[in-house]
Amino acid sequence: MQDWLFVALATQDSVYDKAEERDDLIAFHKDLKELIEGVYILRGQASTVGDVNDASAGFNIVSLIEDYRIAHPIMVFRNFFKKVSMPYIHRQLYNWQKAGINYTGEYPDSLNKLGVLHLYQNTLSLIYSGYQVFKYKEQAKSKNVSEYLV
């Protein structure tokens, strides 16, 4: 994702030519990294039973440095989805994808046009997963049954 960010910011004639849009993307990227780490942590908490083939075993938690947020990843989901709306997420991801695909320079070794498409799709899937957990927890909280939820 870091290379995708750099490529998008370096793309000529994109929405990110404007300083305000670049700042928005950088802030979105930071928040998104935390959300993805929260999904990873929640997945790890749910994968305590059985033999799980963990393709993300080498994943390092770098953004969620607060122990409380690591122990309670739902806080990360709540902060993310209260901060940004789904239409904003779709617009930002679309623009980010478009800028990554339209890049005319030399891609870093870890990225290419097809890789941008895969990152876009996978990121969108992770966002939807986090959103479903967020909505479920919010609904349970509103029904005052959160003590029965894992």
C-alpha atoms as a PDB file:
ATOM      1  CA  MET A   1       0.000   0.000   0.000  1.00  0.00           C
ATOM      2  CA  GLN A   2       2.889   2.359   0.685  1.00  0.00           C
ATOM      3  CA  ASP A   3       4.174   2.009  -2.894  1.00  0.00           C
ATOM      4  CA  TRP A   4       0.646   2.511  -4.214  1.00  0.00           C
ATOM      5  CA  LEU A   5       0.474   5.765  -2.231  1.00  0.00           C
ATOM      6  CA  PHE A   6       3.789   7.020  -3.637  1.00  0.00           C
ATOM      7  CA  VAL A   7       2.828   6.093  -7.205  1.00  0.00           C
ATOM      8  CA  ALA A   8      -0.550   7.828  -6.900  1.00  0.00           C
ATOM      9  CA  LEU A   9       1.027  10.981  -5.492  1.00  0.00           C
ATOM     10  CA  ALA A  10       3.614  11.023  -8.302  1.00  0.00           C
ATOM     11  CA  THR A  11       1.075  10.586 -11.100  1.00  0.00           C
ATOM     12  CA  GLN A  12       0.816  13.543 -13.457  1.00  0.00           C
ATOM     13  CA  ASP A  13      -2.606  15.036 -14.268  1.00  0.00           C
ATOM     14  CA  SER A  14      -4.516  13.341 -11.476  1.00  0.00           C
ATOM     15  CA  VAL A  15      -6.821  14.565  -8.752  1.00  0.00           C
ATOM     16  CA  TYR A  16      -3.754  14.482  -6.495  1.00  0.00           C
ATOM     17  CA  ASP A  17      -2.146  17.418  -8.298  1.00  0.00           C
ATOM     18  CA  LYS A  18      -3.905  19.617  -5.737  1.00  0.00           C
ATOM     19  CA  ALA A  19      -2.213  19.910  -2.335  1.00  0.00           C
ATOM     20  CA  GLU A  20      -5.500  19.509  -0.457  1.00  0.00           C
ATOM     21  CA  GLU A  21      -6.286  16.254  -2.284  1.00  0.00           C
ATOM     22  CA  ARG A  22      -2.776  14.931  -1.582  1.00  0.00           C
ATOM     23  CA  ASP A  23      -3.197  15.732   2.113  1.00  0.00           C
ATOM     24  CA  ASP A  24      -6.579  13.975   2.134  1.00  0.00           C
ATOM     25  CA  LEU A  25      -5.072  10.861   0.537  1.00  0.00           C
ATOM     26  CA  ILE A  26      -2.180  10.780   3.005  1.00  0.00           C
ATOM     27  CA  ALA A  27      -4.579  11.082   5.961  1.00  0.00           C
ATOM     28  CA  PHE A  28      -6.877   8.446   4.441  1.00  0.00           C
ATOM     29  CA  HIS A  29      -3.901   6.112   3.924  1.00  0.00           C
ATOM     30  CA  LYS A  30      -2.868   6.484   7.582  1.00  0.00           C
ATOM     31  CA  ASP A  31      -6.386   5.772   8.833  1.00  0.00           C
ATOM     32  CA  LEU A  32      -6.782   2.907   6.371  1.00  0.00           C
ATOM     33  CA  LYS A  33      -3.569   1.244   7.578  1.00  0.00           C
ATOM     34  CA  GLU A  34      -4.980   1.284  11.106  1.00  0.00           C
ATOM     35  CA  LEU A  35      -8.281  -0.182   9.916  1.00  0.00           C
ATOM     36  CA  ILE A  36      -6.519  -2.986   8.049  1.00  0.00           C
ATOM     37  CA  GLU A  37      -4.409  -3.739  11.103  1.00  0.00           C
ATOM     38  CA  GLY A  38      -7.611  -3.822  13.159  1.00  0.00           C
ATOM     39  CA  VAL A  39      -9.125  -6.346  10.725  1.00  0.00           C
ATOM     40  CA  TYR A  40      -5.953  -8.415  10.968  1.00  0.00           C
ATOM     41  CA  ILE A  41      -6.058  -8.360  14.773  1.00  0.00           C
ATOM     42  CA  LEU A  42      -9.751  -9.253  14.849  1.00  0.00           C
ATOM     43  CA  ARG A  43      -9.112 -12.099  12.411  1.00  0.00           C
ATOM     44  CA  GLY A  44      -6.341 -13.378  14.675  1.00  0.00           C
ATOM     45  CA  GLN A  45      -8.667 -13.266  17.665  1.00  0.00           C
ATOM     46  CA  ALA A  46     -11.283 -15.236  15.725  1.00  0.00           C
ATOM     47  CA  SER A  47      -8.780 -17.818  14.466  1.00  0.00           C
ATOM     48  CA  THR A  48      -8.004 -19.440  17.784  1.00  0.00           C
ATOM     49  CA  VAL A  49      -9.706 -22.743  16.927  1.00  0.00           C
ATOM     50  CA  GLY A  50      -8.413 -25.278  14.413  1.00  0.00           C
ATOM     51  CA  ASP A  51      -5.480 -25.331  12.073  1.00  0.00           C
ATOM     52  CA  VAL A  52      -5.546 -22.068  10.164  1.00  0.00           C
ATOM     53  CA  ASN A  53      -3.279 -21.502   7.192  1.00  0.00           C
ATOM     54  CA  ASP A  54      -2.169 -17.983   8.043  1.00  0.00           C
ATOM     55  CA  ALA A  55      -0.921 -16.309   4.885  1.00  0.00           C
ATOM     56  CA  SER A  56      -0.380 -13.114   6.849  1.00  0.00           C
ATOM     57  CA  ALA A  57       1.914 -14.605   9.509  1.00  0.00           C
ATOM     58  CA  GLY A  58       4.618 -12.053   8.704  1.00  0.00           C
ATOM     59  CA  PHE A  59       2.254  -9.082   9.065  1.00  0.00           C
ATOM     60  CA  ASN A  60       3.637  -6.486  11.460  1.00  0.00           C
ATOM     61  CA  ILE A  61       1.413  -4.213  13.492  1.00  0.00           C
ATOM     62  CA  VAL A  62       2.975  -0.786  13.064  1.00  0.00           C
ATOM     63  CA  SER A  63       0.197   1.769  13.248  1.00  0.00           C
ATOM     64  CA  LEU A  64      -1.733   0.496  16.274  1.00  0.00           C
ATOM     65  CA  ILE A  65       0.869   1.203  18.893  1.00  0.00           C
ATOM     66  CA  GLU A  66      -1.526   1.756  21.752  1.00  0.00           C
ATOM     67  CA  ASP A  67      -2.020  -1.489  23.682  1.00  0.00           C
ATOM     68  CA  TYR A  68      -5.668  -0.660  24.328  1.00  0.00           C
ATOM     69  CA  ARG A  69      -6.421  -0.282  20.631  1.00  0.00           C
ATOM     70  CA  ILE A  70      -4.656  -3.552  19.872  1.00  0.00           C
ATOM     71  CA  ALA A  71      -6.732  -5.290  22.543  1.00  0.00           C
ATOM     72  CA  HIS A  72      -9.953  -3.628  21.281  1.00  0.00           C
ATOM     73  CA  PRO A  73      -9.736  -3.327  17.479  1.00  0.00           C
ATOM     74  CA  ILE A  74     -13.437  -2.409  17.288  1.00  0.00           C
ATOM     75  CA  MET A  75     -12.376   1.060  18.485  1.00  0.00           C
ATOM     76  CA  VAL A  76     -10.305   1.413  15.321  1.00  0.00           C
ATOM     77  CA  PHE A  77     -13.324   0.438  13.206  1.00  0.00           C
ATOM     78  CA  ARG A  78     -15.559   2.877  15.054  1.00  0.00           C
ATOM     79  CA  ASN A  79     -13.064   5.738  14.703  1.00  0.00           C
ATOM     80  CA  PHE A  80     -12.566   5.052  11.000  1.00  0.00           C
ATOM     81  CA  PHE A  81     -16.223   4.780   9.993  1.00  0.00           C
ATOM     82  CA  LYS A  82     -17.326   7.702  12.147  1.00  0.00           C
ATOM     83  CA  LYS A  83     -14.610   9.808  10.520  1.00  0.00           C
ATOM     84  CA  VAL A  84     -15.262   8.903   6.864  1.00  0.00           C
ATOM     85  CA  SER A  85     -18.428   7.967   5.014  1.00  0.00           C
ATOM     86  CA  MET A  86     -18.751   5.093   2.557  1.00  0.00           C
ATOM     87  CA  PRO A  87     -19.237   7.492  -0.402  1.00  0.00           C
ATOM     88  CA  TYR A  88     -15.991   9.247   0.585  1.00  0.00           C
ATOM     89  CA  ILE A  89     -14.208   5.872   0.857  1.00  0.00           C
ATOM     90  CA  HIS A  90     -15.428   4.823  -2.593  1.00  0.00           C
ATOM     91  CA  ARG A  91     -14.416   8.139  -4.146  1.00  0.00           C
ATOM     92  CA  GLN A  92     -10.984   8.150  -2.493  1.00  0.00           C
ATOM     93  CA  LEU A  93     -10.249   4.524  -3.435  1.00  0.00           C
ATOM     94  CA  TYR A  94     -11.425   5.084  -7.013  1.00  0.00           C
ATOM     95  CA  ASN A  95      -9.223   8.166  -7.402  1.00  0.00           C
ATOM     96  CA  TRP A  96      -6.305   6.357  -5.773  1.00  0.00           C
ATOM     97  CA  GLN A  97      -6.749   3.386  -8.098  1.00  0.00           C
ATOM     98  CA  LYS A  98      -7.055   5.601 -11.174  1.00  0.00           C
ATOM     99  CA  ALA A  99      -3.914   7.547 -10.250  1.00  0.00           C
ATOM    100  CA  GLY A 100      -2.026   4.295  -9.661  1.00  0.00           C
ATOM    101  CA  ILE A 101      -3.047   2.858 -13.020  1.00  0.00           C
ATOM    102  CA  ASN A 102      -2.372   6.100 -14.904  1.00  0.00           C
ATOM    103  CA  TYR A 103       1.165   6.355 -13.522  1.00  0.00           C
ATOM    104  CA  THR A 104       3.612   6.679 -16.433  1.00  0.00           C
ATOM    105  CA  GLY A 105       6.873   6.349 -14.538  1.00  0.00           C
ATOM    106  CA  GLU A 106       8.721   3.214 -13.558  1.00  0.00           C
ATOM    107  CA  TYR A 107       6.816   1.266 -10.925  1.00  0.00           C
ATOM    108  CA  PRO A 108       8.617   0.052  -7.803  1.00  0.00           C
ATOM    109  CA  ASP A 109       9.549  -3.655  -7.887  1.00  0.00           C
ATOM    110  CA  SER A 110       6.620  -4.522  -5.632  1.00  0.00           C
ATOM    111  CA  LEU A 111       3.946  -2.879  -7.806  1.00  0.00           C
ATOM    112  CA  ASN A 112       2.578  -2.682 -11.341  1.00  0.00           C
ATOM    113  CA  LYS A 113      -0.757  -1.767 -12.969  1.00  0.00           C
ATOM    114  CA  LEU A 114      -2.261  -5.181 -12.238  1.00  0.00           C
ATOM    115  CA  GLY A 115      -0.971  -4.957  -8.671  1.00  0.00           C
ATOM    116  CA  VAL A 116      -2.806  -1.654  -8.252  1.00  0.00           C
ATOM    117  CA  LEU A 117      -6.038  -3.350  -9.331  1.00  0.00           C
ATOM    118  CA  HIS A 118      -5.463  -6.184  -6.865  1.00  0.00           C
ATOM    119  CA  LEU A 119      -4.676  -3.747  -4.057  1.00  0.00           C
ATOM    120  CA  TYR A 120      -7.821  -1.805  -4.843  1.00  0.00           C
ATOM    121  CA  GLN A 121     -10.014  -4.929  -4.787  1.00  0.00           C
ATOM    122  CA  ASN A 122      -8.418  -6.373  -1.663  1.00  0.00           C
ATOM    123  CA  THR A 123      -8.533  -3.062   0.166  1.00  0.00           C
ATOM    124  CA  LEU A 124     -12.188  -2.623  -0.693  1.00  0.00           C
ATOM    125  CA  SER A 125     -12.903  -6.138   0.616  1.00  0.00           C
ATOM    126  CA  LEU A 126     -11.123  -5.396   3.893  1.00  0.00           C
ATOM    127  CA  ILE A 127     -13.027  -2.130   4.256  1.00  0.00           C
ATOM    128  CA  TYR A 128     -16.350  -3.906   3.689  1.00  0.00           C
ATOM    129  CA  SER A 129     -15.379  -6.545   6.250  1.00  0.00           C
ATOM    130  CA  GLY A 130     -14.531  -3.883   8.802  1.00  0.00           C
ATOM    131  CA  TYR A 131     -17.727  -2.020   7.991  1.00  0.00           C
ATOM    132  CA  GLN A 132     -19.847  -5.119   8.571  1.00  0.00           C
ATOM    133  CA  VAL A 133     -18.216  -5.681  11.963  1.00  0.00           C
ATOM    134  CA  PHE A 134     -18.669  -2.001  12.809  1.00  0.00           C
ATOM    135  CA  LYS A 135     -22.365  -2.004  11.856  1.00  0.00           C
ATOM    136  CA  TYR A 136     -22.977  -5.263  13.758  1.00  0.00           C
ATOM    137  CA  LYS A 137     -21.314  -3.918  16.902  1.00  0.00           C
ATOM    138  CA  GLU A 138     -23.134  -0.578  16.632  1.00  0.00           C
ATOM    139  CA  GLN A 139     -26.459  -2.350  16.233  1.00  0.00           C
ATOM    140  CA  ALA A 140     -25.720  -4.595  19.209  1.00  0.00           C
ATOM    141  CA  LYS A 141     -24.675  -1.573  21.258  1.00  0.00           C
ATOM    142  CA  SER A 142     -27.915   0.187  20.437  1.00  0.00           C
ATOM    143  CA  LYS A 143     -29.851  -2.888  21.535  1.00  0.00           C
ATOM    144  CA  ASN A 144     -27.781  -2.998  24.735  1.00  0.00           C
ATOM    145  CA  VAL A 145     -26.711  -6.594  24.183  1.00  0.00           C
ATOM    146  CA  SER A 146     -23.013  -5.966  23.622  1.00  0.00           C
ATOM    147  CA  GLU A 147     -22.083  -7.960  26.707  1.00  0.00           C
ATOM    148  CA  TYR A 148     -23.157 -11.109  24.856  1.00  0.00           C
ATOM    149  CA  LEU A 149     -20.930 -10.425  21.856  1.00  0.00           C
ATOM    150  CA  VAL A 150     -17.397 -11.611  21.444  1.00  0.00           C
END
